[in-house]
Protein backbone atom coordinates (compact mmCIF):
# COMPACT_ATOMS: atom_id res chain seq x y z
CA UNK A 1 119.96 177.59 31.74
CA UNK A 2 117.70 177.59 34.27
CA UNK A 3 115.66 174.50 35.51
CA UNK A 4 112.49 175.23 33.90
CA UNK A 5 114.44 175.40 30.54
CA UNK A 6 115.99 171.88 31.33
CA UNK A 7 112.56 170.63 32.18
CA UNK A 8 110.92 171.85 28.75
CA UNK A 9 113.83 170.61 26.76
CA UNK A 10 113.57 167.14 28.25
CA UNK A 11 109.66 167.15 27.80
CA UNK A 12 110.01 168.02 24.26
CA UNK A 13 112.96 165.54 23.64
CA UNK A 14 110.44 163.01 25.38
CA UNK A 15 107.54 163.86 23.25
CA UNK A 16 109.68 163.82 20.08
CA UNK A 17 111.15 160.20 20.78
CA UNK A 18 107.78 158.93 21.84
CA UNK A 19 106.03 160.07 18.59
CA UNK A 20 108.90 158.60 16.26
CA UNK A 21 108.50 155.33 18.03
CA UNK A 22 104.93 155.54 17.83
CA UNK A 23 104.87 156.31 14.28
CA UNK A 24 107.66 153.76 13.36
CA UNK A 25 105.47 150.87 15.04
CA UNK A 26 107.61 150.05 17.96
CA UNK A 27 104.93 151.50 20.21
CA UNK A 28 101.96 151.38 17.74
CA UNK A 29 99.34 148.93 18.81
CA UNK A 30 97.80 149.49 15.11
CA UNK A 31 101.10 148.28 13.63
CA UNK A 32 99.93 144.96 12.31
CA UNK A 33 102.53 142.33 11.94
CA UNK A 34 102.35 138.51 11.40
CA UNK A 35 102.29 137.77 15.20
CA UNK A 36 99.36 140.23 15.63
CA UNK A 37 97.55 138.90 12.71
CA UNK A 38 97.89 135.39 14.24
CA UNK A 39 96.56 136.75 17.65
CA UNK A 40 93.49 138.44 15.87
CA UNK A 41 92.62 135.10 14.18
CA UNK A 42 93.15 133.02 17.36
CA UNK A 43 90.75 135.65 18.93
CA UNK A 44 88.15 135.44 16.21
CA UNK A 45 88.05 131.50 16.86
CA UNK A 46 87.79 132.08 20.60
CA UNK A 47 85.16 134.57 20.34
CA UNK A 48 83.12 132.02 17.89
CA UNK A 49 83.42 129.49 20.54
CA UNK A 50 83.30 130.85 23.66
CA UNK A 51 81.39 134.17 23.13
CA UNK A 52 78.98 134.32 19.92
CA UNK A 53 76.54 132.28 21.82
CA UNK A 54 75.72 135.17 23.94
CA UNK A 55 76.99 138.33 22.05
CA UNK A 56 75.68 136.99 18.75
CA UNK A 57 77.89 136.02 15.94
CA UNK A 58 78.31 139.67 14.41
CA UNK A 59 78.43 141.35 17.96
CA UNK A 60 74.63 142.38 17.69
CA UNK A 61 74.16 141.27 21.53
CA UNK A 62 70.69 139.88 22.54
CA UNK A 63 67.60 141.57 23.51
CA UNK A 64 67.12 142.31 27.20
CA UNK A 65 70.68 141.33 27.96
CA UNK A 66 70.79 142.92 31.44
CA UNK A 67 68.20 140.25 32.75
CA UNK A 68 69.90 137.00 33.83
């Protein structure tokens, strides 16, 4: 085999392994587990306390938000 073939095989293997890891959740940022659910709940509370006064409770923003 030549260098190009080895490179193609290595890239294909990396793509398959990466795809499997993403699909099974080990690299999937959307795979929710209990820890991520807790973080999301904490983020909702933090947003309500620190951010909602400017961004709006429902993320609607404020009119003329570019003006200080």
